[in-house]
Amino acid sequence: MEEKIDQILVYSLLAAKNVLTLEDAALLTGLSKSHLYRLTCTHQIPFYKPNGKQIYFDRIELEAWMKQNRVATQQETGQKAVNYVVTGKQKGGTL
C-alpha cells in the first residue's frame, strides 16, 4: 500500500514539472534512460544541457516529439482514397 502511495506521489510531482530530468523523461515516455541518452547523442530528441553535464527536457517539446509521425486511421485513409477518386487530387499527403 505504501509503495502505491509513493508511486502516486512521484507521478503527481512529475505532472507539475515543466523541465524534466533524464529520470523524469524516462518515466513520462516509458523509454529507458539508456535509450534516451542514445537519442540525445544522435540529436533525435530535443534536450538542453546548460551546465555541460546534466541533460534536461522541456515537457511540451518532449510531448510534441512523442506525437510526431502520426499514423492515419483506416477511416482517414479511406476518406483520402474517396477524395482522390472523386477529385483526382491528393489532399493532406500520400495514401
PDB file of N, CA and C in Angstrom:
ATOM      1  N   MET A   1       0.829  -1.193   0.000  1.00  0.00           N
ATOM      2  CA  MET A   1       0.000   0.000   0.000  1.00  0.00           C
ATOM      3  C   MET A   1       0.871   1.253   0.000  1.00  0.00           C
ATOM      4  N   GLU A   2       1.895   1.242   0.846  1.00  0.00           N
ATOM      5  CA  GLU A   2       2.791   2.391   0.932  1.00  0.00           C
ATOM      6  C   GLU A   2       3.525   2.615  -0.389  1.00  0.00           C
ATOM      7  N   GLU A   3       3.844   1.513  -1.074  1.00  0.00           N
ATOM      8  CA  GLU A   3       4.523   1.598  -2.366  1.00  0.00           C
ATOM      9  C   GLU A   3       3.632   2.290  -3.397  1.00  0.00           C
ATOM     10  N   LYS A   4       2.349   1.984  -3.386  1.00  0.00           N
ATOM     11  CA  LYS A   4       1.392   2.617  -4.303  1.00  0.00           C
ATOM     12  C   LYS A   4       1.284   4.114  -4.019  1.00  0.00           C
ATOM     13  N   ILE A   5       1.274   4.485  -2.749  1.00  0.00           N
ATOM     14  CA  ILE A   5       1.199   5.896  -2.368  1.00  0.00           C
ATOM     15  C   ILE A   5       2.439   6.633  -2.842  1.00  0.00           C
ATOM     16  N   ASP A   6       3.602   6.008  -2.694  1.00  0.00           N
ATOM     17  CA  ASP A   6       4.847   6.617  -3.168  1.00  0.00           C
ATOM     18  C   ASP A   6       4.820   6.808  -4.683  1.00  0.00           C
ATOM     19  N   GLN A   7       4.292   5.819  -5.383  1.00  0.00           N
ATOM     20  CA  GLN A   7       4.204   5.903  -6.843  1.00  0.00           C
ATOM     21  C   GLN A   7       3.257   7.027  -7.267  1.00  0.00           C
ATOM     22  N   ILE A   8       2.140   7.167  -6.580  1.00  0.00           N
ATOM     23  CA  ILE A   8       1.197   8.250  -6.870  1.00  0.00           C
ATOM     24  C   ILE A   8       1.856   9.599  -6.631  1.00  0.00           C
ATOM     25  N   LEU A   9       2.631   9.710  -5.570  1.00  0.00           N
ATOM     26  CA  LEU A   9       3.339  10.953  -5.259  1.00  0.00           C
ATOM     27  C   LEU A   9       4.342  11.303  -6.358  1.00  0.00           C
ATOM     28  N   VAL A  10       5.088  10.309  -6.822  1.00  0.00           N
ATOM     29  CA  VAL A  10       6.076  10.539  -7.884  1.00  0.00           C
ATOM     30  C   VAL A  10       5.392  11.047  -9.141  1.00  0.00           C
ATOM     31  N   TYR A  11       4.292  10.400  -9.541  1.00  0.00           N
ATOM     32  CA  TYR A  11       3.582  10.816 -10.752  1.00  0.00           C
ATOM     33  C   TYR A  11       2.917  12.183 -10.580  1.00  0.00           C
ATOM     34  N   SER A  12       2.472  12.493  -9.384  1.00  0.00           N
ATOM     35  CA  SER A  12       1.875  13.812  -9.124  1.00  0.00           C
ATOM     36  C   SER A  12       2.928  14.910  -9.249  1.00  0.00           C
ATOM     37  N   LEU A  13       4.102  14.668  -8.704  1.00  0.00           N
ATOM     38  CA  LEU A  13       5.191  15.641  -8.812  1.00  0.00           C
ATOM     39  C   LEU A  13       5.632  15.792 -10.258  1.00  0.00           C
ATOM     40  N   LEU A  14       5.688  14.689 -10.986  1.00  0.00           N
ATOM     41  CA  LEU A  14       6.080  14.722 -12.391  1.00  0.00           C
ATOM     42  C   LEU A  14       5.091  15.552 -13.213  1.00  0.00           C
ATOM     43  N   ALA A  15       3.819  15.431 -12.922  1.00  0.00           N
ATOM     44  CA  ALA A  15       2.791  16.163 -13.664  1.00  0.00           C
ATOM     45  C   ALA A  15       2.917  17.673 -13.486  1.00  0.00           C
ATOM     46  N   ALA A  16       3.499  18.105 -12.377  1.00  0.00           N
ATOM     47  CA  ALA A  16       3.614  19.532 -12.092  1.00  0.00           C
ATOM     48  C   ALA A  16       4.880  20.153 -12.680  1.00  0.00           C
ATOM     49  N   LYS A  17       5.800  19.339 -13.206  1.00  0.00           N
ATOM     50  CA  LYS A  17       7.077  19.851 -13.701  1.00  0.00           C
ATOM     51  C   LYS A  17       7.008  20.195 -15.182  1.00  0.00           C
ATOM     52  N   ASN A  18       7.674  21.287 -15.559  1.00  0.00           N
ATOM     53  CA  ASN A  18       7.809  21.667 -16.968  1.00  0.00           C
ATOM     54  C   ASN A  18       9.186  21.317 -17.504  1.00  0.00           C
ATOM     55  N   VAL A  19      10.193  21.359 -16.643  1.00  0.00           N
ATOM     56  CA  VAL A  19      11.555  20.996 -17.014  1.00  0.00           C
ATOM     57  C   VAL A  19      11.834  19.645 -16.379  1.00  0.00           C
ATOM     58  N   LEU A  20      12.208  18.687 -17.213  1.00  0.00           N
ATOM     59  CA  LEU A  20      12.342  17.310 -16.753  1.00  0.00           C
ATOM     60  C   LEU A  20      13.788  16.837 -16.775  1.00  0.00           C
ATOM     61  N   THR A  21      14.159  16.061 -15.779  1.00  0.00           N
ATOM     62  CA  THR A  21      15.463  15.402 -15.763  1.00  0.00           C
ATOM     63  C   THR A  21      15.383  14.160 -16.651  1.00  0.00           C
ATOM     64  N   LEU A  22      16.490  13.491 -16.820  1.00  0.00           N
ATOM     65  CA  LEU A  22      16.514  12.260 -17.603  1.00  0.00           C
ATOM     66  C   LEU A  22      15.574  11.222 -16.985  1.00  0.00           C
ATOM     67  N   GLU A  23      15.599  11.113 -15.669  1.00  0.00           N
ATOM     68  CA  GLU A  23      14.740  10.152 -14.973  1.00  0.00           C
ATOM     69  C   GLU A  23      13.261  10.502 -15.181  1.00  0.00           C
ATOM     70  N   ASP A  24      12.947  11.796 -15.094  1.00  0.00           N
ATOM     71  CA  ASP A  24      11.568  12.247 -15.327  1.00  0.00           C
ATOM     72  C   ASP A  24      11.131  11.914 -16.757  1.00  0.00           C
ATOM     73  N   ALA A  25      12.007  12.190 -17.714  1.00  0.00           N
ATOM     74  CA  ALA A  25      11.688  11.943 -19.121  1.00  0.00           C
ATOM     75  C   ALA A  25      11.478  10.451 -19.374  1.00  0.00           C
ATOM     76  N   ALA A  26      12.257   9.619 -18.709  1.00  0.00           N
ATOM     77  CA  ALA A  26      12.098   8.171 -18.851  1.00  0.00           C
ATOM     78  C   ALA A  26      10.731   7.737 -18.320  1.00  0.00           C
ATOM     79  N   LEU A  27      10.323   8.293 -17.190  1.00  0.00           N
ATOM     80  CA  LEU A  27       9.005   7.979 -16.640  1.00  0.00           C
ATOM     81  C   LEU A  27       7.889   8.443 -17.568  1.00  0.00           C
ATOM     82  N   LEU A  28       8.025   9.656 -18.091  1.00  0.00           N
ATOM     83  CA  LEU A  28       6.987  10.226 -18.947  1.00  0.00           C
ATOM     84  C   LEU A  28       6.844   9.462 -20.258  1.00  0.00           C
ATOM     85  N   THR A  29       7.959   9.123 -20.882  1.00  0.00           N
ATOM     86  CA  THR A  29       7.918   8.489 -22.199  1.00  0.00           C
ATOM     87  C   THR A  29       7.806   6.971 -22.147  1.00  0.00           C
ATOM     88  N   GLY A  30       8.245   6.379 -21.044  1.00  0.00           N
ATOM     89  CA  GLY A  30       8.283   4.925 -20.964  1.00  0.00           C
ATOM     90  C   GLY A  30       9.522   4.340 -21.617  1.00  0.00           C
ATOM     91  N   LEU A  31      10.444   5.218 -22.044  1.00  0.00           N
ATOM     92  CA  LEU A  31      11.696   4.773 -22.649  1.00  0.00           C
ATOM     93  C   LEU A  31      12.756   4.606 -21.551  1.00  0.00           C
ATOM     94  N   SER A  32      13.714   3.742 -21.801  1.00  0.00           N
ATOM     95  CA  SER A  32      14.787   3.566 -20.821  1.00  0.00           C
ATOM     96  C   SER A  32      15.719   4.777 -20.855  1.00  0.00           C
ATOM     97  N   LYS A  33      16.443   4.973 -19.767  1.00  0.00           N
ATOM     98  CA  LYS A  33      17.393   6.094 -19.715  1.00  0.00           C
ATOM     99  C   LYS A  33      18.481   5.914 -20.761  1.00  0.00           C
ATOM    100  N   SER A  34      18.930   4.681 -20.984  1.00  0.00           N
ATOM    101  CA  SER A  34      19.984   4.464 -21.976  1.00  0.00           C
ATOM    102  C   SER A  34      19.483   4.788 -23.386  1.00  0.00           C
ATOM    103  N   HIS A  35      18.226   4.481 -23.674  1.00  0.00           N
ATOM    104  CA  HIS A  35      17.679   4.819 -24.992  1.00  0.00           C
ATOM    105  C   HIS A  35      17.550   6.335 -25.149  1.00  0.00           C
ATOM    106  N   LEU A  36      17.131   7.006 -24.089  1.00  0.00           N
ATOM    107  CA  LEU A  36      17.050   8.474 -24.141  1.00  0.00           C
ATOM    108  C   LEU A  36      18.432   9.080 -24.363  1.00  0.00           C
ATOM    109  N   TYR A  37      19.459   8.547 -23.688  1.00  0.00           N
ATOM    110  CA  TYR A  37      20.828   9.019 -23.918  1.00  0.00           C
ATOM    111  C   TYR A  37      21.211   8.841 -25.383  1.00  0.00           C
ATOM    112  N   ARG A  38      20.883   7.692 -25.939  1.00  0.00           N
ATOM    113  CA  ARG A  38      21.207   7.419 -27.340  1.00  0.00           C
ATOM    114  C   ARG A  38      20.513   8.425 -28.260  1.00  0.00           C
ATOM    115  N   LEU A  39      19.250   8.736 -27.960  1.00  0.00           N
ATOM    116  CA  LEU A  39      18.512   9.704 -28.768  1.00  0.00           C
ATOM    117  C   LEU A  39      19.109  11.108 -28.651  1.00  0.00           C
ATOM    118  N   THR A  40      19.615  11.466 -27.470  1.00  0.00           N
ATOM    119  CA  THR A  40      20.243  12.788 -27.326  1.00  0.00           C
ATOM    120  C   THR A  40      21.581  12.835 -28.049  1.00  0.00           C
ATOM    121  N   CYS A  41      22.334  11.749 -27.986  1.00  0.00           N
ATOM    122  CA  CYS A  41      23.643  11.713 -28.658  1.00  0.00           C
ATOM    123  C   CYS A  41      23.515  11.845 -30.168  1.00  0.00           C
ATOM    124  N   THR A  42      22.436  11.312 -30.710  1.00  0.00           N
ATOM    125  CA  THR A  42      22.224  11.382 -32.158  1.00  0.00           C
ATOM    126  C   THR A  42      21.322  12.550 -32.548  1.00  0.00           C
ATOM    127  N   HIS A  43      21.005  13.401 -31.579  1.00  0.00           N
ATOM    128  CA  HIS A  43      20.191  14.611 -31.793  1.00  0.00           C
ATOM    129  C   HIS A  43      18.845  14.286 -32.437  1.00  0.00           C
ATOM    130  N   GLN A  44      18.211  13.217 -31.972  1.00  0.00           N
ATOM    131  CA  GLN A  44      16.901  12.828 -32.478  1.00  0.00           C
ATOM    132  C   GLN A  44      15.778  13.277 -31.559  1.00  0.00           C
ATOM    133  N   ILE A  45      16.136  13.871 -30.429  1.00  0.00           N
ATOM    134  CA  ILE A  45      15.145  14.306 -29.452  1.00  0.00           C
ATOM    135  C   ILE A  45      15.592  15.670 -28.919  1.00  0.00           C
ATOM    136  N   PRO A  46      14.671  16.614 -28.718  1.00  0.00           N
ATOM    137  CA  PRO A  46      15.082  17.936 -28.205  1.00  0.00           C
ATOM    138  C   PRO A  46      15.457  17.851 -26.724  1.00  0.00           C
ATOM    139  N   PHE A  47      16.593  18.469 -26.381  1.00  0.00           N
ATOM    140  CA  PHE A  47      17.062  18.464 -24.991  1.00  0.00           C
ATOM    141  C   PHE A  47      17.935  19.672 -24.734  1.00  0.00           C
ATOM    142  N   TYR A  48      18.224  19.906 -23.478  1.00  0.00           N
ATOM    143  CA  TYR A  48      19.049  21.036 -23.044  1.00  0.00           C
ATOM    144  C   TYR A  48      20.175  20.519 -22.170  1.00  0.00           C
ATOM    145  N   LYS A  49      21.320  21.165 -22.269  1.00  0.00           N
ATOM    146  CA  LYS A  49      22.492  20.783 -21.487  1.00  0.00           C
ATOM    147  C   LYS A  49      23.154  22.073 -20.987  1.00  0.00           C
ATOM    148  N   PRO A  50      22.533  22.754 -20.009  1.00  0.00           N
ATOM    149  CA  PRO A  50      23.010  24.075 -19.605  1.00  0.00           C
ATOM    150  C   PRO A  50      24.374  24.089 -18.921  1.00  0.00           C
ATOM    151  N   ASN A  51      24.713  23.037 -18.211  1.00  0.00           N
ATOM    152  CA  ASN A  51      25.979  23.042 -17.471  1.00  0.00           C
ATOM    153  C   ASN A  51      27.015  22.108 -18.074  1.00  0.00           C
ATOM    154  N   GLY A  52      26.708  21.536 -19.217  1.00  0.00           N
ATOM    155  CA  GLY A  52      27.644  20.642 -19.877  1.00  0.00           C
ATOM    156  C   GLY A  52      27.639  19.227 -19.334  1.00  0.00           C
ATOM    157  N   LYS A  53      26.865  18.957 -18.303  1.00  0.00           N
ATOM    158  CA  LYS A  53      26.826  17.613 -17.719  1.00  0.00           C
ATOM    159  C   LYS A  53      25.405  17.054 -17.732  1.00  0.00           C
ATOM    160  N   GLN A  54      24.557  17.608 -16.908  1.00  0.00           N
ATOM    161  CA  GLN A  54      23.178  17.139 -16.758  1.00  0.00           C
ATOM    162  C   GLN A  54      22.352  17.526 -17.979  1.00  0.00           C
ATOM    163  N   ILE A  55      21.476  16.632 -18.439  1.00  0.00           N
ATOM    164  CA  ILE A  55      20.587  16.975 -19.542  1.00  0.00           C
ATOM    165  C   ILE A  55      19.168  17.136 -19.018  1.00  0.00           C
ATOM    166  N   TYR A  56      18.444  18.051 -19.665  1.00  0.00           N
ATOM    167  CA  TYR A  56      17.069  18.355 -19.289  1.00  0.00           C
ATOM    168  C   TYR A  56      16.198  18.341 -20.528  1.00  0.00           C
ATOM    169  N   PHE A  57      14.909  18.148 -20.297  1.00  0.00           N
ATOM    170  CA  PHE A  57      13.939  18.124 -21.374  1.00  0.00           C
ATOM    171  C   PHE A  57      12.804  19.075 -21.033  1.00  0.00           C
ATOM    172  N   ASP A  58      12.269  19.739 -22.042  1.00  0.00           N
ATOM    173  CA  ASP A  58      11.086  20.570 -21.878  1.00  0.00           C
ATOM    174  C   ASP A  58       9.868  19.677 -22.111  1.00  0.00           C
ATOM    175  N   ARG A  59       8.952  19.665 -21.162  1.00  0.00           N
ATOM    176  CA  ARG A  59       7.787  18.776 -21.238  1.00  0.00           C
ATOM    177  C   ARG A  59       7.016  18.954 -22.550  1.00  0.00           C
ATOM    178  N   ILE A  60       6.744  20.198 -22.936  1.00  0.00           N
ATOM    179  CA  ILE A  60       5.956  20.455 -24.150  1.00  0.00           C
ATOM    180  C   ILE A  60       6.692  19.939 -25.385  1.00  0.00           C
ATOM    181  N   GLU A  61       7.987  20.192 -25.460  1.00  0.00           N
ATOM    182  CA  GLU A  61       8.766  19.719 -26.612  1.00  0.00           C
ATOM    183  C   GLU A  61       8.820  18.191 -26.636  1.00  0.00           C
ATOM    184  N   LEU A  62       8.954  17.587 -25.469  1.00  0.00           N
ATOM    185  CA  LEU A  62       9.016  16.128 -25.386  1.00  0.00           C
ATOM    186  C   LEU A  62       7.680  15.502 -25.799  1.00  0.00           C
ATOM    187  N   GLU A  63       6.585  16.097 -25.352  1.00  0.00           N
ATOM    188  CA  GLU A  63       5.269  15.591 -25.743  1.00  0.00           C
ATOM    189  C   GLU A  63       5.039  15.777 -27.240  1.00  0.00           C
ATOM    190  N   ALA A  64       5.487  16.903 -27.797  1.00  0.00           N
ATOM    191  CA  ALA A  64       5.367  17.136 -29.243  1.00  0.00           C
ATOM    192  C   ALA A  64       6.211  16.115 -30.011  1.00  0.00           C
ATOM    193  N   TRP A  65       7.401  15.822 -29.506  1.00  0.00           N
ATOM    194  CA  TRP A  65       8.269  14.822 -30.134  1.00  0.00           C
ATOM    195  C   TRP A  65       7.597  13.455 -30.125  1.00  0.00           C
ATOM    196  N   MET A  66       6.939  13.117 -29.015  1.00  0.00           N
ATOM    197  CA  MET A  66       6.261  11.831 -28.907  1.00  0.00           C
ATOM    198  C   MET A  66       5.076  11.738 -29.861  1.00  0.00           C
ATOM    199  N   LYS A  67       4.499  12.883 -30.238  1.00  0.00           N
ATOM    200  CA  LYS A  67       3.320  12.896 -31.101  1.00  0.00           C
ATOM    201  C   LYS A  67       3.656  13.014 -32.586  1.00  0.00           C
ATOM    202  N   GLN A  68       4.923  13.062 -32.939  1.00  0.00           N
ATOM    203  CA  GLN A  68       5.273  13.210 -34.350  1.00  0.00           C
ATOM    204  C   GLN A  68       5.062  11.891 -35.097  1.00  0.00           C
ATOM    205  N   ASN A  69       4.987  11.977 -36.400  1.00  0.00           N
ATOM    206  CA  ASN A  69       4.799  10.819 -37.279  1.00  0.00           C
ATOM    207  C   ASN A  69       3.504  10.071 -36.982  1.00  0.00           C
ATOM    208  N   ARG A  70       2.437  10.831 -36.872  1.00  0.00           N
ATOM    209  CA  ARG A  70       1.120  10.241 -36.613  1.00  0.00           C
ATOM    210  C   ARG A  70       0.730   9.307 -37.748  1.00  0.00           C
ATOM    211  N   VAL A  71       0.143   8.190 -37.391  1.00  0.00           N
ATOM    212  CA  VAL A  71      -0.331   7.215 -38.368  1.00  0.00           C
ATOM    213  C   VAL A  71      -1.836   7.416 -38.535  1.00  0.00           C
ATOM    214  N   ALA A  72      -2.265   7.544 -39.776  1.00  0.00           N
ATOM    215  CA  ALA A  72      -3.686   7.777 -40.071  1.00  0.00           C
ATOM    216  C   ALA A  72      -4.511   6.543 -39.740  1.00  0.00           C
ATOM    217  N   THR A  73      -5.753   6.769 -39.336  1.00  0.00           N
ATOM    218  CA  THR A  73      -6.679   5.668 -39.085  1.00  0.00           C
ATOM    219  C   THR A  73      -7.152   5.096 -40.415  1.00  0.00           C
ATOM    220  N   GLN A  74      -7.764   3.937 -40.364  1.00  0.00           N
ATOM    221  CA  GLN A  74      -8.317   3.340 -41.582  1.00  0.00           C
ATOM    222  C   GLN A  74      -9.383   4.246 -42.184  1.00  0.00           C
ATOM    223  N   GLN A  75     -10.173   4.882 -41.327  1.00  0.00           N
ATOM    224  CA  GLN A  75     -11.226   5.786 -41.801  1.00  0.00           C
ATOM    225  C   GLN A  75     -10.613   6.976 -42.536  1.00  0.00           C
ATOM    226  N   GLU A  76      -9.544   7.566 -41.981  1.00  0.00           N
ATOM    227  CA  GLU A  76      -8.889   8.705 -42.633  1.00  0.00           C
ATOM    228  C   GLU A  76      -8.281   8.300 -43.969  1.00  0.00           C
ATOM    229  N   THR A  77      -7.648   7.130 -44.002  1.00  0.00           N
ATOM    230  CA  THR A  77      -7.059   6.643 -45.249  1.00  0.00           C
ATOM    231  C   THR A  77      -8.144   6.376 -46.286  1.00  0.00           C
ATOM    232  N   GLY A  78      -9.242   5.798 -45.847  1.00  0.00           N
ATOM    233  CA  GLY A  78     -10.364   5.551 -46.750  1.00  0.00           C
ATOM    234  C   GLY A  78     -10.943   6.845 -47.299  1.00  0.00           C
ATOM    235  N   GLN A  79     -11.057   7.855 -46.446  1.00  0.00           N
ATOM    236  CA  GLN A  79     -11.580   9.152 -46.886  1.00  0.00           C
ATOM    237  C   GLN A  79     -10.645   9.795 -47.903  1.00  0.00           C
ATOM    238  N   LYS A  80      -9.339   9.676 -47.704  1.00  0.00           N
ATOM    239  CA  LYS A  80      -8.375  10.208 -48.674  1.00  0.00           C
ATOM    240  C   LYS A  80      -8.526   9.495 -50.016  1.00  0.00           C
ATOM    241  N   ALA A  81      -8.751   8.185 -49.966  1.00  0.00           N
ATOM    242  CA  ALA A  81      -8.926   7.421 -51.203  1.00  0.00           C
ATOM    243  C   ALA A  81     -10.187   7.868 -51.936  1.00  0.00           C
ATOM    244  N   VAL A  82     -11.275   8.066 -51.206  1.00  0.00           N
ATOM    245  CA  VAL A  82     -12.523   8.536 -51.814  1.00  0.00           C
ATOM    246  C   VAL A  82     -12.309   9.915 -52.426  1.00  0.00           C
ATOM    247  N   ASN A  83     -11.663  10.813 -51.676  1.00  0.00           N
ATOM    248  CA  ASN A  83     -11.397  12.167 -52.191  1.00  0.00           C
ATOM    249  C   ASN A  83     -10.563  12.112 -53.464  1.00  0.00           C
ATOM    250  N   TYR A  84      -9.586  11.212 -53.499  1.00  0.00           N
ATOM    251  CA  TYR A  84      -8.733  11.082 -54.683  1.00  0.00           C
ATOM    252  C   TYR A  84      -9.532  10.594 -55.883  1.00  0.00           C
ATOM    253  N   VAL A  85     -10.386   9.616 -55.662  1.00  0.00           N
ATOM    254  CA  VAL A  85     -11.191   9.075 -56.765  1.00  0.00           C
ATOM    255  C   VAL A  85     -12.150  10.134 -57.286  1.00  0.00           C
ATOM    256  N   VAL A  86     -12.757  10.896 -56.383  1.00  0.00           N
ATOM    257  CA  VAL A  86     -13.742  11.910 -56.775  1.00  0.00           C
ATOM    258  C   VAL A  86     -13.079  13.107 -57.436  1.00  0.00           C
ATOM    259  N   THR A  87     -11.993  13.611 -56.853  1.00  0.00           N
ATOM    260  CA  THR A  87     -11.382  14.848 -57.351  1.00  0.00           C
ATOM    261  C   THR A  87     -10.160  14.611 -58.221  1.00  0.00           C
ATOM    262  N   GLY A  88      -9.552  13.449 -58.114  1.00  0.00           N
ATOM    263  CA  GLY A  88      -8.326  13.185 -58.864  1.00  0.00           C
ATOM    264  C   GLY A  88      -7.114  13.839 -58.257  1.00  0.00           C
ATOM    265  N   LYS A  89      -7.262  14.402 -57.048  1.00  0.00           N
ATOM    266  CA  LYS A  89      -6.155  15.087 -56.368  1.00  0.00           C
ATOM    267  C   LYS A  89      -5.967  14.513 -54.973  1.00  0.00           C
ATOM    268  N   GLN A  90      -4.714  14.471 -54.551  1.00  0.00           N
ATOM    269  CA  GLN A  90      -4.420  14.050 -53.177  1.00  0.00           C
ATOM    270  C   GLN A  90      -4.462  15.265 -52.286  1.00  0.00           C
ATOM    271  N   LYS A  91      -5.112  15.160 -51.135  1.00  0.00           N
ATOM    272  CA  LYS A  91      -5.131  16.231 -50.156  1.00  0.00           C
ATOM    273  C   LYS A  91      -4.537  15.707 -48.868  1.00  0.00           C
ATOM    274  N   GLY A  92      -3.633  16.460 -48.271  1.00  0.00           N
ATOM    275  CA  GLY A  92      -3.096  16.089 -46.973  1.00  0.00           C
ATOM    276  C   GLY A  92      -2.103  14.948 -47.014  1.00  0.00           C
ATOM    277  N   GLY A  93      -1.314  14.855 -48.059  1.00  0.00           N
ATOM    278  CA  GLY A  93      -0.259  13.847 -48.075  1.00  0.00           C
ATOM    279  C   GLY A  93      -0.594  12.659 -48.953  1.00  0.00           C
ATOM    280  N   THR A  94       0.192  11.609 -48.762  1.00  0.00           N
ATOM    281  CA  THR A  94       0.053  10.416 -49.598  1.00  0.00           C
ATOM    282  C   THR A  94      -0.925   9.453 -48.975  1.00  0.00           C
ATOM    283  N   LEU A  95      -1.352   8.512 -49.766  1.00  0.00           N
ATOM    284  CA  LEU A  95      -2.297   7.482 -49.285  1.00  0.00           C
ATOM    285  C   LEU A  95      -1.596   6.435 -48.483  1.00  0.00           C
TER     286      LEU A  95
END
